[in-house]
Amino acid sequence: QVQLVESGGGLVQPGGSLRLSCAASGSIFSIYAMGWYRQAPGKQRELVAAITSGGSTNYADSVKGRFTISRDNAKNTVYLQMNSLKPEDTAVYYCNAIHVSSSSEYDYWGQGTQVTVSS
């Protein structure tokens, strides 16, 4: 099993930057695909960025060019660098880990960290 703990959220002005971290423990981190999701009040949770175990990345159109997802397998940590932040980015950001094999499937979530973009 995997436990995920997000950190790095907070209040930032429009145009500012934040770096979110998701620390994993309890299993072999390197075999999991990782993702960052966000959910604003009254809205559905959406995928922001994802990174496979091999390092391939994918981003929502709304954050392309502004956000960067990365992972450090040696530290069992995935990051989300958020630049040029907009008020529309305000949400609770969640870390996700998933592993699918021929014999099992695992899907884990962190508790979330609040990101607020406001002047």
N, C-alpha and C. Protein backbone atom coordinates (compact mmCIF):
# COMPACT_ATOMS: atom_id res chain seq x y z
N GLN A 1 0.82 -1.17 0.00
CA GLN A 1 0.00 0.00 0.00
C GLN A 1 0.88 1.25 0.00
N VAL A 2 0.25 2.36 -0.37
CA VAL A 2 0.95 3.63 -0.49
C VAL A 2 0.21 4.70 0.30
N GLN A 3 0.95 5.49 1.03
CA GLN A 3 0.41 6.67 1.68
C GLN A 3 0.99 7.91 1.01
N LEU A 4 0.13 8.87 0.71
CA LEU A 4 0.53 10.07 0.00
C LEU A 4 0.25 11.30 0.85
N VAL A 5 1.22 12.19 0.95
CA VAL A 5 1.07 13.41 1.73
C VAL A 5 1.49 14.59 0.88
N GLU A 6 0.53 15.48 0.60
CA GLU A 6 0.81 16.68 -0.19
C GLU A 6 1.26 17.82 0.72
N SER A 7 2.06 18.71 0.16
CA SER A 7 2.47 19.91 0.86
C SER A 7 2.81 20.99 -0.16
N GLY A 8 2.94 22.21 0.31
CA GLY A 8 3.36 23.31 -0.55
C GLY A 8 2.26 24.26 -0.96
N GLY A 9 1.03 23.96 -0.62
CA GLY A 9 -0.06 24.85 -0.95
C GLY A 9 -0.03 26.11 -0.11
N GLY A 10 -0.86 27.07 -0.50
CA GLY A 10 -0.92 28.31 0.23
C GLY A 10 -1.59 29.40 -0.58
N LEU A 11 -1.43 30.62 -0.11
CA LEU A 11 -1.99 31.80 -0.77
C LEU A 11 -0.91 32.48 -1.59
N VAL A 12 -1.23 32.77 -2.83
CA VAL A 12 -0.28 33.42 -3.73
C VAL A 12 -1.02 34.42 -4.60
N GLN A 13 -0.34 35.49 -4.99
CA GLN A 13 -0.95 36.49 -5.86
C GLN A 13 -0.95 36.03 -7.30
N PRO A 14 -1.89 36.53 -8.10
CA PRO A 14 -1.87 36.19 -9.53
C PRO A 14 -0.51 36.49 -10.15
N GLY A 15 -0.06 35.56 -10.99
CA GLY A 15 1.25 35.68 -11.60
C GLY A 15 2.37 35.06 -10.79
N GLY A 16 2.07 34.66 -9.58
CA GLY A 16 3.06 34.06 -8.71
C GLY A 16 3.25 32.59 -8.98
N SER A 17 4.08 31.96 -8.15
CA SER A 17 4.43 30.56 -8.33
C SER A 17 4.32 29.80 -7.02
N LEU A 18 4.03 28.52 -7.13
CA LEU A 18 4.05 27.60 -6.01
C LEU A 18 4.60 26.27 -6.50
N ARG A 19 5.21 25.54 -5.60
CA ARG A 19 5.68 24.20 -5.90
C ARG A 19 5.05 23.23 -4.92
N LEU A 20 4.22 22.34 -5.43
CA LEU A 20 3.59 21.33 -4.61
C LEU A 20 4.45 20.07 -4.58
N SER A 21 4.45 19.40 -3.45
CA SER A 21 5.17 18.15 -3.30
C SER A 21 4.22 17.08 -2.81
N CYS A 22 4.46 15.86 -3.24
CA CYS A 22 3.69 14.71 -2.79
C CYS A 22 4.67 13.63 -2.42
N ALA A 23 4.75 13.35 -1.14
CA ALA A 23 5.67 12.34 -0.63
C ALA A 23 4.94 11.02 -0.44
N ALA A 24 5.50 9.97 -0.98
CA ALA A 24 4.89 8.65 -0.91
C ALA A 24 5.69 7.74 0.01
N SER A 25 4.98 6.86 0.67
CA SER A 25 5.62 5.88 1.52
C SER A 25 4.81 4.59 1.52
N GLY A 26 5.46 3.51 1.88
CA GLY A 26 4.76 2.25 2.08
C GLY A 26 4.84 1.24 0.95
N SER A 27 5.38 1.63 -0.21
CA SER A 27 5.47 0.71 -1.33
C SER A 27 6.59 1.15 -2.26
N ILE A 28 6.66 0.49 -3.40
CA ILE A 28 7.68 0.80 -4.40
C ILE A 28 7.18 1.93 -5.27
N PHE A 29 7.69 3.13 -5.03
CA PHE A 29 7.20 4.33 -5.69
C PHE A 29 7.42 4.30 -7.20
N SER A 30 8.53 3.78 -7.64
CA SER A 30 8.92 3.89 -9.04
C SER A 30 7.98 3.19 -10.01
N ILE A 31 7.19 2.24 -9.56
CA ILE A 31 6.31 1.51 -10.47
C ILE A 31 4.96 2.19 -10.67
N TYR A 32 4.68 3.24 -9.92
CA TYR A 32 3.39 3.91 -9.98
C TYR A 32 3.40 5.07 -10.97
N ALA A 33 2.31 5.18 -11.71
CA ALA A 33 2.04 6.42 -12.41
C ALA A 33 1.48 7.41 -11.41
N MET A 34 1.85 8.68 -11.54
CA MET A 34 1.45 9.69 -10.58
C MET A 34 0.69 10.81 -11.28
N GLY A 35 -0.23 11.40 -10.55
CA GLY A 35 -0.99 12.50 -11.12
C GLY A 35 -1.34 13.54 -10.07
N TRP A 36 -1.57 14.75 -10.56
CA TRP A 36 -2.11 15.82 -9.74
C TRP A 36 -3.51 16.16 -10.26
N TYR A 37 -4.46 16.17 -9.36
CA TYR A 37 -5.83 16.58 -9.65
C TYR A 37 -6.16 17.80 -8.83
N ARG A 38 -7.19 18.51 -9.25
CA ARG A 38 -7.65 19.63 -8.44
C ARG A 38 -9.18 19.68 -8.47
N GLN A 39 -9.73 20.25 -7.41
CA GLN A 39 -11.17 20.39 -7.31
C GLN A 39 -11.49 21.73 -6.66
N ALA A 40 -12.18 22.56 -7.41
CA ALA A 40 -12.66 23.84 -6.90
C ALA A 40 -14.04 23.65 -6.29
N PRO A 41 -14.45 24.53 -5.38
CA PRO A 41 -15.77 24.40 -4.76
C PRO A 41 -16.88 24.34 -5.80
N GLY A 42 -17.75 23.35 -5.67
CA GLY A 42 -18.88 23.20 -6.56
C GLY A 42 -18.56 22.66 -7.93
N LYS A 43 -17.32 22.26 -8.16
CA LYS A 43 -16.92 21.75 -9.46
C LYS A 43 -16.37 20.33 -9.36
N GLN A 44 -16.32 19.66 -10.50
CA GLN A 44 -15.80 18.30 -10.55
C GLN A 44 -14.29 18.30 -10.42
N ARG A 45 -13.78 17.21 -9.88
CA ARG A 45 -12.34 17.03 -9.81
C ARG A 45 -11.80 16.79 -11.22
N GLU A 46 -10.70 17.45 -11.54
CA GLU A 46 -10.12 17.33 -12.86
C GLU A 46 -8.64 16.99 -12.78
N LEU A 47 -8.19 16.27 -13.78
CA LEU A 47 -6.77 15.94 -13.89
C LEU A 47 -6.01 17.17 -14.36
N VAL A 48 -4.97 17.53 -13.64
CA VAL A 48 -4.14 18.66 -13.98
C VAL A 48 -2.90 18.21 -14.75
N ALA A 49 -2.22 17.21 -14.22
CA ALA A 49 -0.99 16.72 -14.83
C ALA A 49 -0.74 15.30 -14.39
N ALA A 50 -0.07 14.54 -15.23
CA ALA A 50 0.24 13.16 -14.91
C ALA A 50 1.63 12.81 -15.42
N ILE A 51 2.24 11.86 -14.77
CA ILE A 51 3.55 11.38 -15.19
C ILE A 51 3.60 9.87 -14.99
N THR A 52 4.05 9.16 -16.00
CA THR A 52 4.12 7.72 -15.94
C THR A 52 5.37 7.28 -15.21
N SER A 53 5.46 5.98 -14.96
CA SER A 53 6.65 5.44 -14.32
C SER A 53 7.89 5.66 -15.18
N GLY A 54 7.69 5.79 -16.50
CA GLY A 54 8.80 6.03 -17.41
C GLY A 54 9.13 7.49 -17.63
N GLY A 55 8.34 8.40 -17.04
CA GLY A 55 8.63 9.81 -17.14
C GLY A 55 7.86 10.57 -18.19
N SER A 56 6.97 9.91 -18.91
CA SER A 56 6.13 10.61 -19.88
C SER A 56 5.10 11.46 -19.16
N THR A 57 4.87 12.68 -19.64
CA THR A 57 3.97 13.62 -18.97
C THR A 57 2.79 14.00 -19.84
N ASN A 58 1.73 14.45 -19.17
CA ASN A 58 0.53 14.92 -19.84
C ASN A 58 -0.08 16.02 -18.99
N TYR A 59 -0.65 17.05 -19.64
CA TYR A 59 -1.20 18.19 -18.94
C TYR A 59 -2.56 18.57 -19.47
N ALA A 60 -3.38 19.09 -18.59
CA ALA A 60 -4.62 19.70 -19.02
C ALA A 60 -4.32 20.93 -19.85
N ASP A 61 -5.16 21.20 -20.84
CA ASP A 61 -4.93 22.35 -21.71
C ASP A 61 -4.84 23.66 -20.92
N SER A 62 -5.58 23.76 -19.85
CA SER A 62 -5.63 24.99 -19.08
C SER A 62 -4.33 25.32 -18.36
N VAL A 63 -3.45 24.35 -18.21
CA VAL A 63 -2.21 24.59 -17.47
C VAL A 63 -0.96 24.39 -18.32
N LYS A 64 -1.11 24.00 -19.56
CA LYS A 64 0.04 23.78 -20.43
C LYS A 64 0.87 25.05 -20.55
N GLY A 65 2.16 24.89 -20.41
CA GLY A 65 3.07 26.02 -20.48
C GLY A 65 3.27 26.73 -19.17
N ARG A 66 2.44 26.42 -18.17
CA ARG A 66 2.55 27.07 -16.87
C ARG A 66 2.93 26.10 -15.76
N PHE A 67 2.44 24.87 -15.84
CA PHE A 67 2.70 23.87 -14.81
C PHE A 67 3.65 22.81 -15.34
N THR A 68 4.45 22.26 -14.44
CA THR A 68 5.36 21.18 -14.78
C THR A 68 5.31 20.11 -13.71
N ILE A 69 5.05 18.87 -14.12
CA ILE A 69 5.07 17.76 -13.19
C ILE A 69 6.40 17.02 -13.34
N SER A 70 6.94 16.58 -12.24
CA SER A 70 8.19 15.83 -12.26
C SER A 70 8.19 14.84 -11.10
N ARG A 71 9.11 13.90 -11.16
CA ARG A 71 9.21 12.94 -10.08
C ARG A 71 10.66 12.65 -9.77
N ASP A 72 10.91 12.35 -8.52
CA ASP A 72 12.22 11.96 -8.05
C ASP A 72 12.05 10.63 -7.35
N ASN A 73 12.31 9.55 -8.07
CA ASN A 73 12.08 8.23 -7.51
C ASN A 73 12.98 7.92 -6.32
N ALA A 74 14.16 8.50 -6.30
CA ALA A 74 15.07 8.29 -5.18
C ALA A 74 14.50 8.87 -3.89
N LYS A 75 13.67 9.91 -4.01
CA LYS A 75 13.06 10.55 -2.85
C LYS A 75 11.60 10.18 -2.68
N ASN A 76 11.09 9.30 -3.54
CA ASN A 76 9.69 8.88 -3.49
C ASN A 76 8.74 10.09 -3.48
N THR A 77 9.03 11.04 -4.35
CA THR A 77 8.29 12.29 -4.35
C THR A 77 7.95 12.73 -5.77
N VAL A 78 6.75 13.25 -5.93
CA VAL A 78 6.33 13.86 -7.18
C VAL A 78 6.06 15.34 -6.91
N TYR A 79 6.37 16.19 -7.88
CA TYR A 79 6.24 17.62 -7.72
C TYR A 79 5.32 18.21 -8.78
N LEU A 80 4.74 19.34 -8.45
CA LEU A 80 4.01 20.13 -9.42
C LEU A 80 4.47 21.58 -9.27
N GLN A 81 5.27 22.03 -10.23
CA GLN A 81 5.70 23.41 -10.26
C GLN A 81 4.65 24.23 -10.98
N MET A 82 4.10 25.22 -10.32
CA MET A 82 3.02 26.02 -10.87
C MET A 82 3.50 27.46 -11.00
N ASN A 83 3.57 27.94 -12.23
CA ASN A 83 3.99 29.30 -12.53
C ASN A 83 2.85 30.08 -13.16
N SER A 84 2.99 31.38 -13.17
CA SER A 84 1.98 32.27 -13.77
C SER A 84 0.59 31.92 -13.29
N LEU A 85 0.44 31.78 -12.01
CA LEU A 85 -0.83 31.33 -11.44
C LEU A 85 -1.94 32.34 -11.66
N LYS A 86 -3.13 31.81 -11.88
CA LYS A 86 -4.32 32.60 -12.13
C LYS A 86 -5.36 32.31 -11.05
N PRO A 87 -6.28 33.23 -10.81
CA PRO A 87 -7.35 32.95 -9.85
C PRO A 87 -8.11 31.67 -10.16
N GLU A 88 -8.23 31.34 -11.44
CA GLU A 88 -8.92 30.12 -11.84
C GLU A 88 -8.22 28.85 -11.39
N ASP A 89 -6.97 28.96 -10.97
CA ASP A 89 -6.22 27.81 -10.47
C ASP A 89 -6.55 27.49 -9.01
N THR A 90 -7.31 28.35 -8.37
CA THR A 90 -7.68 28.13 -6.98
C THR A 90 -8.47 26.84 -6.82
N ALA A 91 -7.99 25.95 -5.97
CA ALA A 91 -8.62 24.65 -5.77
C ALA A 91 -7.85 23.90 -4.70
N VAL A 92 -8.43 22.78 -4.29
CA VAL A 92 -7.68 21.81 -3.51
C VAL A 92 -6.99 20.88 -4.48
N TYR A 93 -5.70 20.72 -4.32
CA TYR A 93 -4.91 19.88 -5.21
C TYR A 93 -4.62 18.55 -4.53
N TYR A 94 -4.87 17.47 -5.26
CA TYR A 94 -4.72 16.13 -4.74
C TYR A 94 -3.68 15.35 -5.52
N CYS A 95 -2.89 14.60 -4.82
CA CYS A 95 -1.93 13.70 -5.41
C CYS A 95 -2.55 12.32 -5.57
N ASN A 96 -2.25 11.67 -6.68
CA ASN A 96 -2.81 10.35 -6.98
C ASN A 96 -1.70 9.42 -7.45
N ALA A 97 -1.78 8.18 -7.01
CA ALA A 97 -0.85 7.15 -7.45
C ALA A 97 -1.64 5.95 -7.93
N ILE A 98 -1.25 5.38 -9.06
CA ILE A 98 -1.95 4.23 -9.60
C ILE A 98 -0.96 3.24 -10.18
N HIS A 99 -1.25 1.97 -9.96
CA HIS A 99 -0.46 0.90 -10.54
C HIS A 99 -1.40 -0.21 -11.01
N VAL A 100 -1.27 -0.59 -12.25
CA VAL A 100 -2.08 -1.64 -12.83
C VAL A 100 -1.18 -2.72 -13.39
N SER A 101 -1.46 -3.96 -13.02
CA SER A 101 -0.73 -5.09 -13.55
C SER A 101 -1.73 -6.15 -13.99
N SER A 102 -1.23 -7.26 -14.48
CA SER A 102 -2.11 -8.33 -14.92
C SER A 102 -2.87 -8.98 -13.77
N SER A 103 -2.40 -8.80 -12.56
CA SER A 103 -3.00 -9.47 -11.42
C SER A 103 -3.64 -8.55 -10.38
N SER A 104 -3.39 -7.23 -10.46
CA SER A 104 -3.92 -6.34 -9.45
C SER A 104 -3.96 -4.90 -9.94
N GLU A 105 -4.73 -4.07 -9.22
CA GLU A 105 -4.81 -2.64 -9.51
C GLU A 105 -4.84 -1.89 -8.18
N TYR A 106 -4.03 -0.85 -8.09
CA TYR A 106 -3.97 -0.04 -6.89
C TYR A 106 -4.16 1.42 -7.25
N ASP A 107 -4.91 2.13 -6.41
CA ASP A 107 -5.24 3.52 -6.66
C ASP A 107 -5.29 4.23 -5.31
N TYR A 108 -4.41 5.21 -5.12
CA TYR A 108 -4.30 5.90 -3.84
C TYR A 108 -4.41 7.40 -4.02
N TRP A 109 -4.90 8.07 -2.97
CA TRP A 109 -5.07 9.51 -2.98
C TRP A 109 -4.50 10.13 -1.71
N GLY A 110 -3.95 11.32 -1.86
CA GLY A 110 -3.54 12.09 -0.71
C GLY A 110 -4.70 12.87 -0.14
N GLN A 111 -4.45 13.60 0.93
CA GLN A 111 -5.51 14.33 1.61
C GLN A 111 -5.83 15.68 0.97
N GLY A 112 -4.96 16.15 0.12
CA GLY A 112 -5.16 17.42 -0.57
C GLY A 112 -4.47 18.58 0.11
N THR A 113 -4.13 19.58 -0.69
CA THR A 113 -3.55 20.81 -0.18
C THR A 113 -4.20 21.99 -0.90
N GLN A 114 -4.55 23.01 -0.15
CA GLN A 114 -5.28 24.15 -0.70
C GLN A 114 -4.34 25.12 -1.40
N VAL A 115 -4.71 25.50 -2.61
CA VAL A 115 -4.02 26.55 -3.35
C VAL A 115 -5.02 27.66 -3.61
N THR A 116 -4.69 28.86 -3.16
CA THR A 116 -5.55 30.01 -3.37
C THR A 116 -4.76 31.10 -4.08
N VAL A 117 -5.28 31.53 -5.22
CA VAL A 117 -4.64 32.58 -6.02
C VAL A 117 -5.53 33.81 -5.96
N SER A 118 -5.07 34.82 -5.27
CA SER A 118 -5.89 36.01 -5.07
C SER A 118 -5.00 37.19 -4.73
N SER A 119 -5.44 38.36 -5.15
CA SER A 119 -4.74 39.59 -4.81
C SER A 119 -5.31 40.24 -3.57
